Protein backbone atom coordinates (compact mmCIF):
# COMPACT_ATOMS: atom_id res chain seq x y z
CA UNK A 1 0.00 0.00 0.00
CA UNK A 2 2.80 2.41 0.90
CA UNK A 3 4.59 1.54 -2.33
CA UNK A 4 1.53 2.55 -4.40
CA UNK A 5 1.41 6.00 -2.74
CA UNK A 6 5.14 6.50 -3.20
CA UNK A 7 4.98 5.59 -6.90
CA UNK A 8 1.94 7.87 -7.40
CA UNK A 9 3.74 10.75 -5.63
CA UNK A 10 6.88 10.36 -7.76
CA UNK A 11 4.82 10.20 -10.97
CA UNK A 12 2.95 13.37 -10.03
CA UNK A 13 6.21 15.16 -9.22
CA UNK A 14 7.69 14.20 -12.58
CA UNK A 15 4.61 15.51 -14.41
CA UNK A 16 4.77 18.85 -12.60
CA UNK A 17 8.52 19.14 -13.14
CA UNK A 18 8.09 18.48 -16.85
CA UNK A 19 5.57 21.34 -17.12
CA UNK A 20 7.91 23.71 -15.27
CA UNK A 21 10.90 22.87 -17.49
CA UNK A 22 8.81 23.17 -20.66
CA UNK A 23 8.14 26.85 -20.06
CA UNK A 24 10.39 29.24 -21.94
CA UNK A 25 11.58 32.43 -20.28
CA UNK A 26 10.41 35.72 -21.79
CA UNK A 27 12.93 37.74 -23.70
CA UNK A 28 14.44 40.62 -21.77
CA UNK A 29 14.21 42.87 -24.83
CA UNK A 30 10.42 43.07 -24.43
CA UNK A 31 10.81 45.13 -21.26
CA UNK A 32 11.58 48.83 -21.41
CA UNK A 33 15.10 49.62 -20.33
CA UNK A 34 16.07 52.55 -18.19
CA UNK A 35 19.56 53.95 -18.10
CA UNK A 36 21.49 53.13 -14.94
CA UNK A 37 21.58 55.90 -12.38
CA UNK A 38 24.93 56.59 -10.81
CA UNK A 39 25.21 57.36 -7.11
CA UNK A 40 26.36 60.91 -7.80
CA UNK A 41 23.31 61.64 -9.99
CA UNK A 42 20.75 60.44 -7.45
CA UNK A 43 22.27 62.04 -4.37
CA UNK A 44 22.82 65.47 -5.92
CA UNK A 45 19.40 65.67 -7.55
CA UNK A 46 17.59 65.43 -4.20
CA UNK A 47 19.56 68.06 -2.29
CA UNK A 48 17.24 70.55 -0.63
CA UNK A 49 14.36 68.07 -0.22
CA UNK A 50 13.09 67.05 3.21
CA UNK A 51 12.48 63.54 4.50
CA UNK A 52 8.82 63.01 5.38
CA UNK A 53 9.71 60.49 8.09
CA UNK A 54 11.74 63.17 9.88
CA UNK A 55 8.91 65.73 9.64
CA UNK A 56 6.62 63.54 11.75
CA UNK A 57 7.31 64.52 15.34
CA UNK A 58 8.40 68.09 14.60
CA UNK A 59 7.30 70.65 17.15
CA UNK A 60 4.69 73.14 15.96
CA UNK A 61 4.82 76.73 17.19
CA UNK A 62 2.60 79.73 16.58
CA UNK A 63 3.77 83.18 15.47
CA UNK A 64 4.49 84.10 19.12
CA UNK A 65 6.95 81.16 19.43
CA UNK A 66 4.58 79.31 21.77
CA UNK A 67 4.57 75.54 21.40
CA UNK A 68 1.11 74.39 20.28
CA UNK A 69 1.70 70.71 19.47
CA UNK A 70 3.60 68.37 17.19
CA UNK A 71 3.15 66.85 13.74
CA UNK A 72 1.64 63.36 13.95
CA UNK A 73 1.12 62.60 10.26
CA UNK A 74 1.21 63.93 6.72
CA UNK A 75 -1.79 63.15 4.51
CA UNK A 76 -1.25 62.73 0.77
CA UNK A 77 -3.49 62.33 -2.24
CA UNK A 78 -3.15 59.36 -4.58
CA UNK A 79 -0.43 61.10 -6.62
CA UNK A 80 1.72 61.61 -3.51
CA UNK A 81 1.20 65.35 -3.04
CA UNK A 82 0.92 66.33 0.62
CA UNK A 83 -2.52 67.83 1.24
CA UNK A 84 -2.80 68.08 5.04
CA UNK A 85 -0.77 68.00 8.23
CA UNK A 86 -2.18 66.19 11.28
CA UNK A 87 -1.18 68.06 14.44
CA UNK A 88 -1.45 66.53 17.90
CA UNK A 89 -2.43 69.05 20.57
CA UNK A 90 -2.26 68.49 24.32
CA UNK A 91 -2.15 65.13 26.01
CA UNK A 92 0.80 63.30 27.48
CA UNK A 93 2.70 60.67 25.48
CA UNK A 94 -0.19 60.45 23.03
CA UNK A 95 -2.84 59.89 25.73
CA UNK A 96 -5.60 62.48 25.64
CA UNK A 97 -4.14 64.09 22.54
CA UNK A 98 -6.51 66.03 20.27
CA UNK A 99 -5.71 65.51 16.57
CA UNK A 100 -6.54 68.20 14.01
CA UNK A 101 -5.90 68.22 10.26
CA UNK A 102 -4.86 71.52 8.76
CA UNK A 103 -4.13 72.29 5.09
CA UNK A 104 -0.48 71.79 4.18
CA UNK A 105 -0.18 75.23 2.60
CA UNK A 106 -1.17 76.90 5.91
CA UNK A 107 1.83 75.36 7.73
CA UNK A 108 5.21 77.04 7.37
CA UNK A 109 8.40 75.00 7.87
CA UNK A 110 11.44 76.74 9.30
CA UNK A 111 15.05 75.51 9.21
CA UNK A 112 16.42 77.91 11.83
CA UNK A 113 15.89 77.15 15.54
CA UNK A 114 13.17 79.01 17.45
CA UNK A 115 14.27 82.45 18.68
CA UNK A 116 13.56 83.10 22.35
CA UNK A 117 13.89 86.35 24.19
CA UNK A 118 15.88 86.30 27.39
CA UNK A 119 14.97 88.13 30.59
CA UNK A 120 17.02 91.12 29.42
CA UNK A 121 14.92 91.35 26.24
CA UNK A 122 17.74 90.30 23.92
CA UNK A 123 16.97 87.63 21.37
CA UNK A 124 18.56 84.26 22.10
CA UNK A 125 18.80 82.37 18.81
CA UNK A 126 20.30 78.99 18.05
CA UNK A 127 19.54 76.96 21.16
CA UNK A 128 16.76 74.42 21.14
CA UNK A 129 14.35 74.28 24.01
CA UNK A 130 11.67 71.62 24.20
CA UNK A 131 8.13 72.99 24.49
CA UNK A 132 9.26 76.58 24.94
CA UNK A 133 11.09 75.87 28.22
CA UNK A 134 13.83 77.88 29.84
CA UNK A 135 17.20 78.10 28.11
CA UNK A 136 19.59 75.28 28.78
CA UNK A 137 22.65 76.64 30.56
CA UNK A 138 25.76 75.22 32.11
CA UNK A 139 27.47 76.71 35.10
CA UNK A 140 31.23 76.96 35.22
CA UNK A 141 32.28 78.73 38.39
CA UNK A 142 30.40 82.03 38.42
CA UNK A 143 29.81 82.23 34.66
CA UNK A 144 26.70 80.95 32.93
CA UNK A 145 27.10 79.94 29.30
CA UNK A 146 24.61 78.76 26.72
CA UNK A 147 25.38 75.71 24.58
CA UNK A 148 26.68 76.29 21.05
CA UNK A 149 24.23 76.95 18.23
CA UNK A 150 22.72 73.91 16.52
CA UNK A 151 23.59 73.54 12.83
CA UNK A 152 20.44 73.09 10.69
CA UNK A 153 19.99 69.68 9.11
CA UNK A 154 19.56 69.83 5.32
CA UNK A 155 17.21 66.80 5.30
CA UNK A 156 14.46 68.14 7.56
CA UNK A 157 13.30 71.46 9.04
CA UNK A 158 13.81 72.48 12.65
CA UNK A 159 10.14 73.15 13.41
CA UNK A 160 6.79 74.09 11.89
CA UNK A 161 4.74 77.25 12.39
CA UNK A 162 0.93 77.37 12.36
CA UNK A 163 -0.74 80.59 13.45
CA UNK A 164 -3.13 79.40 16.16
CA UNK A 165 -3.10 78.99 19.92
CA UNK A 166 -3.48 75.65 21.69
CA UNK A 167 -7.03 76.55 22.65
CA UNK A 168 -7.95 77.42 19.06
CA UNK A 169 -6.54 74.10 17.84
CA UNK A 170 -8.39 72.17 20.56
CA UNK A 171 -11.61 73.90 19.49
CA UNK A 172 -11.19 72.67 15.89
CA UNK A 173 -13.03 69.49 14.85
CA UNK A 174 -11.09 66.38 15.84
CA UNK A 175 -9.45 64.43 13.03
CA UNK A 176 -10.16 60.70 13.10
CA UNK A 177 -8.76 57.97 10.88
CA UNK A 178 -11.79 56.21 9.39
CA UNK A 179 -11.90 52.96 7.46
CA UNK A 180 -15.03 53.87 5.50
C-alpha cells in the first residue's frame, strides 16, 4: 500500500517538473530599459528636499513662538502630493491628545531654531528648548554659558509654524482615521 502511494507521488512530481521545465523564459528585450543611475546623480538631484519620516514629530509653534503641538502625520493624495498635516495638541505621550488636520499650505516650515527672548529682552537664537522651556545653561564657576548653536539639518526642518493657539486648535473638529 505504501509503495503505491510512493509511486503515485513520484509520478505526479515528474509531471509537474516536466511542465515547469517546458516553459520558456520571456525575452528581456520586451521590457523597457532605463539607463542606470549613478550614485552621484541620485544624491545630488535630491539636495534641498526634506524627508517626510523626519517631519513627523516636529514641534509646531505659533507666530508668538509658543509651542502648540507636534506633527503626527502627513496626509497625501493618490499622486503623492501632501494635502494636510495632522497636528497633535495636548495630552501626554499620546494619551488624551486632540488631533486636528490643517491644510499643508497653511503650515510654514522653518530651518532655523526658534528664537527666544531672554529676561534682558535680547533675542537668544540657536539653542533648542523643548516645548518653549527655559534656556539650557551650564554653570562653570560664576559664569553661565549657553550651549553652542545647533547647525540646521539639510534633510528636515527644525520646526513648523501654524498661526493658532493651543485653545484654538483644541476647538477645531477632531481628526479621526476612518476605514469607510
